[in-house]
N, C-alpha and C. Protein backbone atom coordinates (compact mmCIF):
# COMPACT_ATOMS: atom_id res chain seq x y z
N MET A 1 -125.25 36.60 -40.01
CA MET A 1 -124.18 36.00 -40.81
C MET A 1 -123.33 35.07 -39.63
N PHE A 2 -123.29 35.65 -38.28
CA PHE A 2 -122.58 35.16 -37.34
C PHE A 2 -123.43 34.05 -36.53
N LEU A 3 -124.85 33.99 -36.83
CA LEU A 3 -125.58 32.89 -36.41
C LEU A 3 -125.52 31.78 -37.33
N ASP A 4 -125.35 32.24 -38.77
CA ASP A 4 -125.15 30.93 -39.53
C ASP A 4 -124.14 30.06 -39.67
N ASN A 5 -122.96 30.66 -38.98
CA ASN A 5 -121.71 30.00 -38.96
C ASN A 5 -121.98 29.28 -37.77
N ASP A 6 -122.43 29.66 -36.56
CA ASP A 6 -122.58 28.76 -35.45
C ASP A 6 -123.82 27.87 -35.27
N SER A 7 -124.71 27.86 -36.37
CA SER A 7 -125.85 26.91 -36.56
C SER A 7 -125.12 25.91 -37.37
N SER A 8 -124.38 26.00 -38.33
CA SER A 8 -123.80 25.20 -39.21
C SER A 8 -122.76 24.38 -38.37
N ALA A 9 -122.07 25.05 -37.44
CA ALA A 9 -121.19 24.03 -36.73
C ALA A 9 -121.71 23.38 -35.65
N VAL A 10 -122.81 24.01 -35.01
CA VAL A 10 -123.65 22.80 -34.28
C VAL A 10 -124.33 21.71 -35.17
N ALA A 11 -124.66 22.07 -36.39
CA ALA A 11 -125.04 20.91 -37.06
C ALA A 11 -123.83 19.94 -37.36
N ILE A 12 -122.87 20.45 -37.59
CA ILE A 12 -121.74 19.48 -38.00
C ILE A 12 -121.59 18.52 -36.75
N ALA A 13 -121.42 19.20 -35.71
CA ALA A 13 -120.93 18.55 -34.27
C ALA A 13 -121.94 17.59 -34.12
N MET A 14 -123.33 17.89 -34.26
CA MET A 14 -124.24 16.93 -34.32
C MET A 14 -124.18 15.94 -35.01
N ALA A 15 -123.97 16.08 -36.17
CA ALA A 15 -123.78 14.97 -37.27
C ALA A 15 -122.55 13.81 -36.86
N ASP A 16 -121.63 14.65 -36.42
CA ASP A 16 -120.34 13.77 -36.08
C ASP A 16 -120.61 12.98 -35.04
N LYS A 17 -121.58 13.32 -33.93
CA LYS A 17 -122.08 12.73 -32.73
C LYS A 17 -122.84 11.59 -33.17
N THR A 18 -123.78 11.71 -33.86
CA THR A 18 -124.84 10.59 -34.39
C THR A 18 -124.04 9.61 -35.43
N ALA A 19 -122.96 10.08 -35.98
CA ALA A 19 -122.05 9.15 -36.78
C ALA A 19 -121.29 8.38 -36.20
N SER A 20 -120.72 8.93 -34.90
CA SER A 20 -119.91 8.15 -34.06
C SER A 20 -120.59 7.33 -33.24
N ASP A 21 -121.99 7.58 -32.72
CA ASP A 21 -122.89 6.78 -32.14
C ASP A 21 -122.97 5.46 -32.95
N SER A 22 -123.24 5.89 -34.22
CA SER A 22 -123.86 4.76 -35.14
C SER A 22 -122.61 3.81 -35.33
N LEU A 23 -121.26 4.18 -35.29
CA LEU A 23 -120.22 3.43 -35.55
C LEU A 23 -119.86 2.64 -34.21
N GLN A 24 -120.45 2.76 -33.25
CA GLN A 24 -119.95 2.22 -31.82
C GLN A 24 -119.92 0.63 -31.90
N LEU A 25 -118.90 0.03 -31.71
CA LEU A 25 -119.09 -1.57 -31.77
C LEU A 25 -119.81 -2.14 -30.93
N TRP A 26 -120.41 -3.28 -31.43
CA TRP A 26 -120.86 -4.19 -30.30
C TRP A 26 -120.05 -4.84 -29.13
N ALA A 27 -120.48 -4.79 -27.96
CA ALA A 27 -119.62 -5.32 -26.99
C ALA A 27 -120.61 -6.18 -26.27
N PRO A 28 -120.35 -7.58 -25.69
CA PRO A 28 -121.50 -8.48 -25.20
C PRO A 28 -121.41 -8.02 -23.83
N ASP A 29 -122.67 -8.25 -23.05
CA ASP A 29 -122.83 -7.90 -21.49
C ASP A 29 -122.46 -9.54 -20.88
N PRO A 30 -121.35 -9.31 -19.99
CA PRO A 30 -121.29 -10.58 -19.41
C PRO A 30 -122.08 -11.33 -18.50
N ASN A 31 -122.87 -10.59 -17.94
CA ASN A 31 -124.21 -11.21 -17.09
C ASN A 31 -124.85 -11.82 -18.03
N ARG A 32 -125.61 -11.21 -19.20
CA ARG A 32 -126.25 -11.89 -20.14
C ARG A 32 -125.71 -13.22 -20.79
N ALA A 33 -124.36 -13.18 -20.99
CA ALA A 33 -123.81 -14.25 -21.53
C ALA A 33 -123.65 -15.51 -20.55
N THR A 34 -123.70 -15.33 -19.26
CA THR A 34 -123.45 -16.19 -18.27
C THR A 34 -124.93 -16.87 -18.11
N TRP A 35 -125.80 -15.91 -18.13
CA TRP A 35 -127.37 -16.56 -17.94
C TRP A 35 -127.59 -17.29 -19.18
N LEU A 36 -127.34 -16.86 -20.40
CA LEU A 36 -127.54 -17.65 -21.48
C LEU A 36 -126.94 -18.97 -21.39
N ALA A 37 -125.72 -19.06 -21.15
CA ALA A 37 -124.95 -20.36 -20.89
C ALA A 37 -125.58 -21.19 -19.60
N VAL A 38 -126.03 -20.62 -18.83
CA VAL A 38 -126.64 -21.43 -17.93
C VAL A 38 -127.97 -22.16 -18.30
N ILE A 39 -128.77 -21.31 -19.07
CA ILE A 39 -130.16 -21.75 -19.68
C ILE A 39 -129.75 -22.90 -20.61
N VAL A 40 -128.90 -22.58 -21.58
CA VAL A 40 -128.56 -23.65 -22.68
C VAL A 40 -127.20 -23.62 -22.96
N PRO A 41 -126.47 -24.75 -22.91
CA PRO A 41 -125.06 -24.95 -22.66
C PRO A 41 -124.75 -24.34 -24.20
N GLY A 42 -123.74 -23.59 -24.38
CA GLY A 42 -123.24 -23.21 -25.87
C GLY A 42 -123.99 -21.85 -26.27
N LEU A 43 -125.06 -21.30 -25.71
CA LEU A 43 -125.96 -20.41 -26.04
C LEU A 43 -124.88 -19.11 -25.66
N GLY A 44 -124.26 -19.30 -24.54
CA GLY A 44 -123.44 -17.98 -24.14
C GLY A 44 -122.35 -17.87 -25.33
N GLN A 45 -121.75 -18.93 -25.97
CA GLN A 45 -120.77 -18.58 -26.86
C GLN A 45 -121.31 -18.06 -28.02
N ILE A 46 -122.52 -18.34 -28.47
CA ILE A 46 -123.40 -17.92 -29.69
C ILE A 46 -123.38 -16.31 -29.36
N TYR A 47 -123.87 -16.13 -28.08
CA TYR A 47 -124.35 -14.75 -27.82
C TYR A 47 -122.90 -13.63 -28.05
N ASN A 48 -121.78 -14.40 -27.55
CA ASN A 48 -120.13 -13.78 -27.61
C ASN A 48 -119.77 -13.83 -29.08
N ARG A 49 -120.52 -14.60 -29.92
CA ARG A 49 -120.08 -14.52 -31.23
C ARG A 49 -118.90 -15.57 -31.37
N SER A 50 -118.55 -16.57 -30.53
CA SER A 50 -117.45 -17.27 -30.46
C SER A 50 -117.91 -18.78 -31.29
N TYR A 51 -118.30 -18.65 -32.42
CA TYR A 51 -118.92 -19.84 -33.28
C TYR A 51 -117.90 -21.02 -33.03
N TRP A 52 -116.81 -20.82 -32.95
CA TRP A 52 -115.75 -21.73 -33.15
C TRP A 52 -115.89 -22.78 -31.99
N LYS A 53 -116.37 -22.23 -30.69
CA LYS A 53 -116.19 -23.10 -29.61
C LYS A 53 -117.43 -23.99 -29.47
N LEU A 54 -118.49 -23.71 -30.30
CA LEU A 54 -119.71 -24.70 -30.39
C LEU A 54 -119.30 -26.07 -30.40
N PRO A 55 -118.45 -26.52 -31.63
CA PRO A 55 -118.19 -27.75 -31.54
C PRO A 55 -117.42 -28.40 -30.43
N VAL A 56 -116.39 -27.62 -29.88
CA VAL A 56 -115.99 -28.00 -28.65
C VAL A 56 -116.60 -28.32 -27.55
N VAL A 57 -117.51 -27.43 -27.29
CA VAL A 57 -118.59 -27.50 -26.14
C VAL A 57 -119.40 -28.64 -26.36
N TYR A 58 -120.17 -28.85 -27.48
CA TYR A 58 -120.98 -30.10 -27.63
C TYR A 58 -120.31 -31.24 -27.96
N GLY A 59 -119.34 -31.19 -28.54
CA GLY A 59 -118.24 -32.29 -28.50
C GLY A 59 -118.06 -33.10 -27.24
N ALA A 60 -117.55 -31.93 -26.36
CA ALA A 60 -117.38 -32.40 -24.83
C ALA A 60 -118.69 -33.19 -24.27
N PHE A 61 -119.75 -32.38 -24.37
CA PHE A 61 -121.07 -33.06 -23.89
C PHE A 61 -121.41 -34.51 -24.59
N MET A 62 -121.30 -34.61 -25.80
CA MET A 62 -121.44 -35.80 -26.63
C MET A 62 -120.60 -37.14 -25.94
N GLY A 63 -119.20 -36.47 -25.77
CA GLY A 63 -118.36 -37.59 -25.39
C GLY A 63 -118.65 -37.99 -23.78
N CYS A 64 -118.93 -36.91 -23.00
CA CYS A 64 -119.66 -37.23 -21.68
C CYS A 64 -120.81 -38.05 -21.53
N ALA A 65 -121.68 -37.67 -22.36
CA ALA A 65 -123.01 -38.59 -22.62
C ALA A 65 -122.70 -39.69 -22.96
N TYR A 66 -121.94 -40.13 -24.11
CA TYR A 66 -121.57 -41.61 -24.52
C TYR A 66 -120.78 -42.39 -23.29
N ALA A 67 -119.84 -41.84 -22.56
CA ALA A 67 -119.26 -42.50 -21.44
C ALA A 67 -120.27 -42.98 -20.43
N ILE A 68 -121.07 -41.84 -19.98
CA ILE A 68 -122.30 -42.16 -19.20
C ILE A 68 -122.95 -43.32 -19.42
N SER A 69 -123.43 -43.38 -20.70
CA SER A 69 -124.45 -44.57 -21.28
C SER A 69 -123.70 -45.81 -21.40
N TRP A 70 -122.17 -45.81 -21.61
CA TRP A 70 -121.67 -46.89 -21.80
C TRP A 70 -121.25 -47.48 -20.38
N ASN A 71 -120.86 -46.73 -19.45
CA ASN A 71 -120.54 -47.49 -18.17
C ASN A 71 -121.91 -47.54 -17.46
N SER A 72 -122.79 -46.97 -17.86
CA SER A 72 -124.19 -47.21 -17.07
C SER A 72 -124.43 -48.61 -17.48
N ARG A 73 -124.53 -48.92 -18.82
CA ARG A 73 -124.80 -50.28 -19.33
C ARG A 73 -124.05 -51.17 -18.92
N MET A 74 -122.61 -51.16 -18.81
CA MET A 74 -121.65 -52.08 -18.40
C MET A 74 -122.06 -52.27 -16.65
N TYR A 75 -122.37 -51.15 -16.16
CA TYR A 75 -122.64 -51.51 -14.69
C TYR A 75 -123.71 -52.24 -14.42
N THR A 76 -124.88 -52.09 -15.38
CA THR A 76 -126.12 -52.70 -14.96
C THR A 76 -125.96 -54.33 -15.40
N ASP A 77 -125.16 -54.38 -16.72
CA ASP A 77 -124.89 -56.07 -17.10
C ASP A 77 -124.11 -56.68 -15.85
N TYR A 78 -123.08 -56.23 -15.32
CA TYR A 78 -122.46 -56.97 -14.36
C TYR A 78 -123.09 -56.85 -12.81
N LYS A 79 -123.84 -55.95 -12.78
CA LYS A 79 -124.73 -55.94 -11.56
C LYS A 79 -125.76 -57.21 -11.50
N GLU A 80 -126.35 -57.15 -12.59
CA GLU A 80 -127.32 -58.38 -12.96
C GLU A 80 -126.73 -59.72 -12.66
N ALA A 81 -125.49 -59.95 -13.51
CA ALA A 81 -124.89 -61.12 -13.47
C ALA A 81 -124.13 -61.44 -12.08
N TYR A 82 -123.83 -60.60 -11.25
CA TYR A 82 -123.44 -60.85 -10.08
C TYR A 82 -124.48 -61.06 -9.05
N ARG A 83 -125.44 -60.35 -9.23
CA ARG A 83 -126.96 -60.99 -8.31
C ARG A 83 -127.54 -62.51 -8.92
N ASP A 84 -127.29 -62.69 -10.20
CA ASP A 84 -127.81 -63.83 -10.39
C ASP A 84 -126.75 -65.16 -10.23
N ILE A 85 -125.43 -64.94 -10.05
CA ILE A 85 -124.72 -65.61 -9.50
C ILE A 85 -124.70 -65.95 -7.99
N LEU A 86 -125.15 -64.91 -7.16
CA LEU A 86 -125.18 -64.80 -5.92
C LEU A 86 -126.50 -65.79 -5.45
N THR A 87 -127.59 -65.58 -6.17
CA THR A 87 -128.85 -66.18 -5.93
C THR A 87 -129.08 -67.64 -6.56
N ASP A 88 -128.23 -68.22 -7.68
CA ASP A 88 -128.49 -69.44 -7.81
C ASP A 88 -127.56 -70.29 -7.04
N THR A 89 -128.34 -71.65 -6.62
CA THR A 89 -127.48 -72.16 -5.74
C THR A 89 -126.57 -73.08 -6.86
N GLU A 90 -127.03 -73.55 -7.65
CA GLU A 90 -126.46 -74.41 -8.66
C GLU A 90 -126.00 -73.76 -10.01
N LEU A 91 -124.95 -73.67 -10.49
CA LEU A 91 -124.58 -72.73 -11.66
C LEU A 91 -125.10 -73.81 -12.89
N SER A 92 -125.80 -72.60 -13.75
CA SER A 92 -126.36 -73.10 -14.79
C SER A 92 -125.39 -72.93 -16.06
N SER A 93 -125.64 -74.05 -17.15
CA SER A 93 -124.66 -73.89 -18.22
C SER A 93 -125.58 -73.03 -19.49
N ASP A 94 -126.74 -72.64 -19.08
CA ASP A 94 -127.56 -71.97 -20.02
C ASP A 94 -127.02 -70.74 -20.23
N PRO A 95 -126.70 -70.47 -21.66
CA PRO A 95 -125.89 -69.05 -22.12
C PRO A 95 -127.07 -68.08 -22.02
N ALA A 96 -128.17 -68.27 -21.62
CA ALA A 96 -129.16 -67.04 -21.60
C ALA A 96 -129.03 -66.23 -20.10
N ARG A 97 -128.30 -67.20 -18.98
CA ARG A 97 -128.10 -66.61 -17.98
C ARG A 97 -127.00 -65.57 -17.90
N SER A 98 -127.33 -64.51 -17.13
CA SER A 98 -126.53 -63.19 -17.44
C SER A 98 -125.03 -63.63 -17.16
N TYR A 99 -124.68 -64.14 -16.08
CA TYR A 99 -123.48 -64.47 -15.74
C TYR A 99 -122.89 -65.27 -16.84
N ASN A 100 -123.43 -65.99 -17.48
CA ASN A 100 -122.84 -67.03 -18.75
C ASN A 100 -122.86 -65.91 -19.93
N ALA A 101 -123.70 -65.18 -20.11
CA ALA A 101 -123.63 -64.34 -21.25
C ALA A 101 -122.49 -63.28 -21.40
N ILE A 102 -122.20 -63.12 -20.09
CA ILE A 102 -121.14 -61.89 -19.83
C ILE A 102 -119.78 -62.64 -20.20
N LEU A 103 -119.64 -63.72 -20.23
CA LEU A 103 -118.26 -64.51 -20.27
C LEU A 103 -117.73 -64.35 -21.61
N PRO A 104 -116.43 -64.24 -21.86
CA PRO A 104 -115.80 -63.99 -23.28
C PRO A 104 -116.14 -65.27 -24.09
N PRO A 105 -116.10 -65.01 -25.30
CA PRO A 105 -116.59 -66.64 -26.00
C PRO A 105 -115.43 -67.50 -25.80
N GLY A 106 -115.96 -68.79 -25.53
CA GLY A 106 -114.79 -69.90 -25.20
C GLY A 106 -114.46 -69.99 -24.28
N TYR A 107 -114.99 -69.29 -23.00
CA TYR A 107 -114.79 -69.35 -21.63
C TYR A 107 -115.63 -69.87 -20.84
N THR A 108 -115.32 -70.76 -19.79
CA THR A 108 -116.49 -71.24 -19.00
C THR A 108 -116.06 -70.70 -17.35
N ILE A 109 -116.97 -70.81 -16.50
CA ILE A 109 -116.87 -70.38 -15.15
C ILE A 109 -115.78 -71.17 -14.69
N GLU A 110 -115.32 -72.19 -14.96
CA GLU A 110 -114.21 -73.05 -14.40
C GLU A 110 -112.91 -72.60 -14.80
N SER A 111 -112.86 -72.06 -16.16
CA SER A 111 -111.68 -71.54 -16.80
C SER A 111 -111.46 -70.02 -16.27
N MET A 112 -112.47 -69.63 -15.64
CA MET A 112 -112.34 -68.27 -14.95
C MET A 112 -111.82 -68.26 -13.95
N GLY A 113 -111.60 -69.55 -13.22
CA GLY A 113 -110.94 -69.60 -11.77
C GLY A 113 -112.17 -70.16 -10.92
N GLY A 114 -113.27 -70.63 -11.38
CA GLY A 114 -114.31 -71.22 -10.47
C GLY A 114 -115.17 -70.12 -10.03
N ARG A 115 -116.22 -70.56 -9.33
CA ARG A 115 -117.46 -69.87 -9.13
C ARG A 115 -116.91 -68.84 -8.03
N THR A 116 -116.04 -68.84 -7.10
CA THR A 116 -115.52 -67.98 -6.12
C THR A 116 -114.94 -67.05 -6.94
N GLN A 117 -113.94 -67.07 -7.49
CA GLN A 117 -113.25 -66.42 -8.41
C GLN A 117 -114.04 -65.49 -9.29
N TYR A 118 -114.90 -66.12 -9.93
CA TYR A 118 -115.56 -65.24 -10.91
C TYR A 118 -116.60 -64.33 -10.43
N THR A 119 -117.13 -64.77 -9.23
CA THR A 119 -118.16 -63.94 -8.42
C THR A 119 -117.26 -62.85 -7.96
N SER A 120 -115.85 -62.97 -7.37
CA SER A 120 -115.08 -61.76 -7.01
C SER A 120 -114.99 -60.87 -8.34
N THR A 121 -114.63 -61.52 -9.42
CA THR A 121 -114.31 -60.58 -10.67
C THR A 121 -115.62 -59.84 -11.25
N LEU A 122 -116.98 -60.39 -10.85
CA LEU A 122 -118.12 -59.70 -11.35
C LEU A 122 -118.32 -58.68 -10.33
N ASN A 123 -118.15 -58.60 -9.15
CA ASN A 123 -118.31 -57.68 -8.08
C ASN A 123 -117.21 -56.61 -8.29
N SER A 124 -116.05 -56.74 -8.56
CA SER A 124 -115.15 -55.86 -8.92
C SER A 124 -115.24 -55.13 -10.13
N ARG A 125 -115.84 -55.55 -11.12
CA ARG A 125 -116.39 -55.01 -12.28
C ARG A 125 -117.30 -54.17 -12.25
N GLN A 126 -118.22 -54.78 -11.38
CA GLN A 126 -119.55 -53.93 -11.16
C GLN A 126 -119.17 -52.51 -10.47
N ASN A 127 -118.23 -52.77 -9.54
CA ASN A 127 -117.88 -51.31 -8.92
C ASN A 127 -117.03 -50.47 -9.65
N ARG A 128 -116.31 -51.08 -10.52
CA ARG A 128 -115.42 -50.30 -11.37
C ARG A 128 -116.29 -49.55 -12.38
N TYR A 129 -117.21 -50.13 -13.00
CA TYR A 129 -118.04 -49.41 -13.84
C TYR A 129 -119.08 -48.34 -13.25
N ARG A 130 -119.41 -48.74 -12.10
CA ARG A 130 -120.33 -47.86 -11.30
C ARG A 130 -119.48 -46.41 -11.01
N ARG A 131 -118.00 -46.58 -10.55
CA ARG A 131 -117.03 -45.57 -10.28
C ARG A 131 -117.00 -44.73 -11.51
N TYR A 132 -116.61 -45.45 -12.66
CA TYR A 132 -116.56 -44.89 -14.09
C TYR A 132 -117.67 -43.95 -14.30
N ARG A 133 -119.28 -44.66 -14.09
CA ARG A 133 -120.04 -43.78 -14.37
C ARG A 133 -120.20 -42.67 -13.56
N ASP A 134 -119.89 -42.66 -12.36
CA ASP A 134 -120.08 -41.41 -11.56
C ASP A 134 -118.99 -40.42 -11.91
N ILE A 135 -117.77 -40.97 -12.11
CA ILE A 135 -116.65 -39.78 -12.91
C ILE A 135 -117.20 -39.11 -14.11
N SER A 136 -117.88 -39.99 -15.05
CA SER A 136 -118.59 -39.42 -16.06
C SER A 136 -119.44 -38.18 -15.90
N ILE A 137 -120.24 -38.55 -14.84
CA ILE A 137 -121.48 -37.54 -14.53
C ILE A 137 -120.39 -36.32 -14.05
N ALA A 138 -119.60 -36.67 -13.20
CA ALA A 138 -118.87 -35.52 -12.71
C ALA A 138 -118.26 -34.64 -13.62
N ALA A 139 -117.67 -35.37 -14.82
CA ALA A 139 -117.06 -34.88 -15.95
C ALA A 139 -118.07 -34.12 -16.71
N THR A 140 -119.38 -34.47 -17.03
CA THR A 140 -120.35 -33.73 -17.44
C THR A 140 -120.76 -32.38 -16.84
N ILE A 141 -120.68 -32.44 -15.35
CA ILE A 141 -121.13 -31.22 -14.68
C ILE A 141 -119.90 -30.32 -14.70
N GLY A 142 -118.59 -30.91 -14.74
CA GLY A 142 -117.53 -29.76 -15.06
C GLY A 142 -117.56 -29.28 -16.38
N VAL A 143 -118.09 -29.95 -17.52
CA VAL A 143 -117.94 -29.27 -18.96
C VAL A 143 -119.20 -28.22 -18.76
N TYR A 144 -120.28 -28.54 -18.11
CA TYR A 144 -121.38 -27.46 -18.02
C TYR A 144 -120.61 -26.29 -17.49
N ILE A 145 -120.04 -26.34 -16.16
CA ILE A 145 -119.57 -25.22 -15.51
C ILE A 145 -118.47 -24.50 -16.28
N LEU A 146 -117.60 -25.17 -16.90
CA LEU A 146 -116.57 -24.70 -17.72
C LEU A 146 -117.30 -23.78 -19.15
N SER A 147 -118.10 -24.19 -19.52
CA SER A 147 -118.87 -23.43 -20.69
C SER A 147 -119.68 -22.29 -20.30
N ILE A 148 -120.06 -22.45 -18.84
CA ILE A 148 -120.44 -20.91 -18.11
C ILE A 148 -119.30 -20.01 -18.04
N ILE A 149 -118.37 -20.67 -17.37
CA ILE A 149 -117.17 -19.57 -16.90
C ILE A 149 -116.45 -18.99 -18.39
N ASP A 150 -116.19 -20.07 -19.74
CA ASP A 150 -115.84 -19.63 -20.80
C ASP A 150 -116.89 -18.48 -21.20
N ALA A 151 -118.02 -18.40 -21.18
CA ALA A 151 -119.01 -17.43 -21.59
C ALA A 151 -118.91 -16.10 -21.07
N TYR A 152 -118.72 -16.29 -19.69
CA TYR A 152 -118.60 -15.00 -18.70
C TYR A 152 -117.20 -14.33 -18.93
N VAL A 153 -116.21 -15.17 -19.26
CA VAL A 153 -114.54 -14.63 -19.25
C VAL A 153 -114.56 -13.96 -20.72
N ASP A 154 -115.14 -14.68 -21.89
CA ASP A 154 -115.08 -14.33 -23.04
C ASP A 154 -115.72 -12.92 -23.34
N ALA A 155 -116.82 -12.88 -22.64
CA ALA A 155 -117.50 -11.41 -22.69
C ALA A 155 -117.31 -10.63 -22.03
N GLN A 156 -116.50 -10.69 -20.83
CA GLN A 156 -115.70 -9.75 -20.06
C GLN A 156 -114.15 -9.17 -20.65
N LEU A 157 -113.80 -10.16 -21.70
CA LEU A 157 -112.39 -9.70 -22.23
C LEU A 157 -112.69 -9.32 -23.54
N PHE A 158 -114.11 -9.30 -23.88
CA PHE A 158 -114.03 -8.89 -25.38
C PHE A 158 -113.24 -7.70 -25.91
N ASP A 159 -113.10 -6.62 -25.27
CA ASP A 159 -112.48 -5.58 -25.73
C ASP A 159 -111.08 -5.37 -25.12
N PHE A 160 -110.53 -6.57 -24.76
CA PHE A 160 -109.37 -6.46 -23.96
C PHE A 160 -108.48 -6.09 -24.97
N ASP A 161 -107.62 -5.33 -24.89
CA ASP A 161 -106.32 -4.78 -25.61
C ASP A 161 -104.96 -5.67 -25.64
N ILE A 162 -104.82 -6.24 -26.84
CA ILE A 162 -103.61 -7.19 -26.98
C ILE A 162 -102.73 -6.60 -27.78
N SER A 163 -102.02 -5.79 -27.37
CA SER A 163 -101.06 -4.94 -28.17
C SER A 163 -99.40 -5.65 -28.18
N PRO A 164 -99.04 -5.51 -29.16
CA PRO A 164 -97.60 -6.15 -29.24
C PRO A 164 -96.39 -5.43 -28.54
N ASP A 165 -96.94 -4.02 -27.76
CA ASP A 165 -95.93 -3.47 -27.23
C ASP A 165 -95.93 -3.91 -25.63
N LEU A 166 -95.08 -4.86 -25.27
CA LEU A 166 -94.89 -5.48 -24.07
C LEU A 166 -93.47 -5.16 -23.77
N SER A 167 -93.35 -4.30 -22.71
CA SER A 167 -92.02 -3.75 -22.48
C SER A 167 -91.47 -4.16 -21.00
N LEU A 168 -90.48 -4.11 -20.74
CA LEU A 168 -89.79 -4.45 -19.45
C LEU A 168 -89.04 -3.14 -19.11
N ASP A 169 -89.18 -2.40 -17.84
CA ASP A 169 -88.27 -1.15 -17.57
C ASP A 169 -87.57 -1.80 -16.15
N VAL A 170 -86.16 -1.83 -16.52
CA VAL A 170 -85.25 -2.14 -15.27
C VAL A 170 -84.87 -1.03 -14.88
N THR A 171 -85.11 -0.53 -13.45
CA THR A 171 -84.28 0.76 -12.72
C THR A 171 -83.83 0.54 -11.69
N PRO A 172 -82.59 0.55 -11.16
CA PRO A 172 -82.04 0.78 -9.88
C PRO A 172 -82.31 1.82 -9.00
N GLN A 173 -82.51 1.46 -7.89
CA GLN A 173 -83.00 2.52 -6.89
C GLN A 173 -81.96 2.44 -5.72
N LEU A 174 -81.63 3.51 -4.78
CA LEU A 174 -80.99 3.66 -4.00
C LEU A 174 -81.71 4.16 -2.59
N TYR A 175 -81.75 3.79 -1.61
CA TYR A 175 -82.44 4.31 -0.66
C TYR A 175 -81.72 4.38 0.57
N GLN A 176 -81.91 5.69 1.40
CA GLN A 176 -81.18 5.98 2.66
C GLN A 176 -82.17 6.25 3.78
N ASP A 177 -81.84 5.34 4.88
CA ASP A 177 -82.71 5.56 5.89
C ASP A 177 -82.35 6.58 6.75
N PRO A 178 -83.04 7.93 6.94
CA PRO A 178 -82.58 8.92 7.69
C PRO A 178 -82.46 8.65 9.34
N PHE A 179 -82.95 7.65 9.68
CA PHE A 179 -83.15 7.50 11.30
C PHE A 179 -81.91 6.58 11.79
N ARG A 180 -81.47 5.52 10.66
CA ARG A 180 -80.35 4.57 11.31
C ARG A 180 -79.35 4.66 10.14
N TYR A 181 -79.13 5.56 9.28
CA TYR A 181 -78.05 5.79 8.52
C TYR A 181 -77.76 4.44 7.59
N ASN A 182 -78.72 3.90 7.38
CA ASN A 182 -78.54 2.52 6.49
C ASN A 182 -78.59 3.02 5.06
N LYS A 183 -78.26 2.36 4.28
CA LYS A 183 -78.41 2.34 2.73
C LYS A 183 -78.80 1.12 2.38
N SER A 184 -79.33 1.04 1.29
CA SER A 184 -79.93 -0.02 0.50
C SER A 184 -80.39 0.15 -0.92
N ALA A 185 -80.13 -0.90 -1.65
CA ALA A 185 -80.28 -0.83 -3.04
C ALA A 185 -81.51 -1.86 -3.43
N GLU A 186 -81.98 -1.44 -4.37
CA GLU A 186 -82.97 -2.50 -5.30
C GLU A 186 -82.94 -2.27 -6.68
N ILE A 187 -83.42 -3.04 -7.15
CA ILE A 187 -83.63 -3.08 -8.69
C ILE A 187 -85.23 -3.31 -9.09
N LYS A 188 -85.74 -2.31 -9.64
CA LYS A 188 -87.33 -2.03 -9.93
C LYS A 188 -87.59 -2.83 -11.36
N LEU A 189 -88.48 -3.77 -11.37
CA LEU A 189 -88.58 -4.32 -12.51
C LEU A 189 -90.31 -3.49 -12.78
N ALA A 190 -90.73 -3.21 -13.96
CA ALA A 190 -91.96 -2.77 -14.23
C ALA A 190 -92.33 -3.35 -15.55
N PHE A 191 -93.45 -3.85 -15.82
CA PHE A 191 -94.04 -4.16 -16.95
C PHE A 191 -94.82 -3.26 -17.52
N SER A 192 -94.66 -2.82 -18.71
CA SER A 192 -95.74 -1.79 -19.60
C SER A 192 -96.41 -2.56 -20.49
N PHE A 193 -97.64 -2.43 -20.52
CA PHE A 193 -98.54 -3.23 -21.42
C PHE A 193 -99.96 -2.32 -21.71
């Protein structure tokens, strides 16, 4: 009879252990989330089960891709117009010429300040759109890095306790220096969370 009670207690303890093991919550691995985010942007967020972040990540990538495309196209157009106006010894009024095609409707090169002013304008706009394209590329790299950092931090802080019990303990303290017979006071602030 004594053995029966011990074996049943062991069986209950083992059943409790397997039940608690099966009820253990899933927790993401930060290294795996990081590598998944490196391989495919947004995959780390999927692994962390933060699905609501996907539109933010892919929206940022799509915005950056559009900015790169737009600025690259404008840079190419102004670069071609600038090169054409420099190589043409005599200005043509042909609307198919790139420097005429880029003019606003109803404007001529003379109304834009003449050949010298218009050439200067084409050069400055070419440089501006090249700079904007480069900034857009840097922004895309920044979004990629931020998505990787977000996947890592989200996985790392998955089981972080956010309790409403945040308290501040204010304690005055007095000190006496035994060697110099000086007394001092301080206020100690301690956050409990």
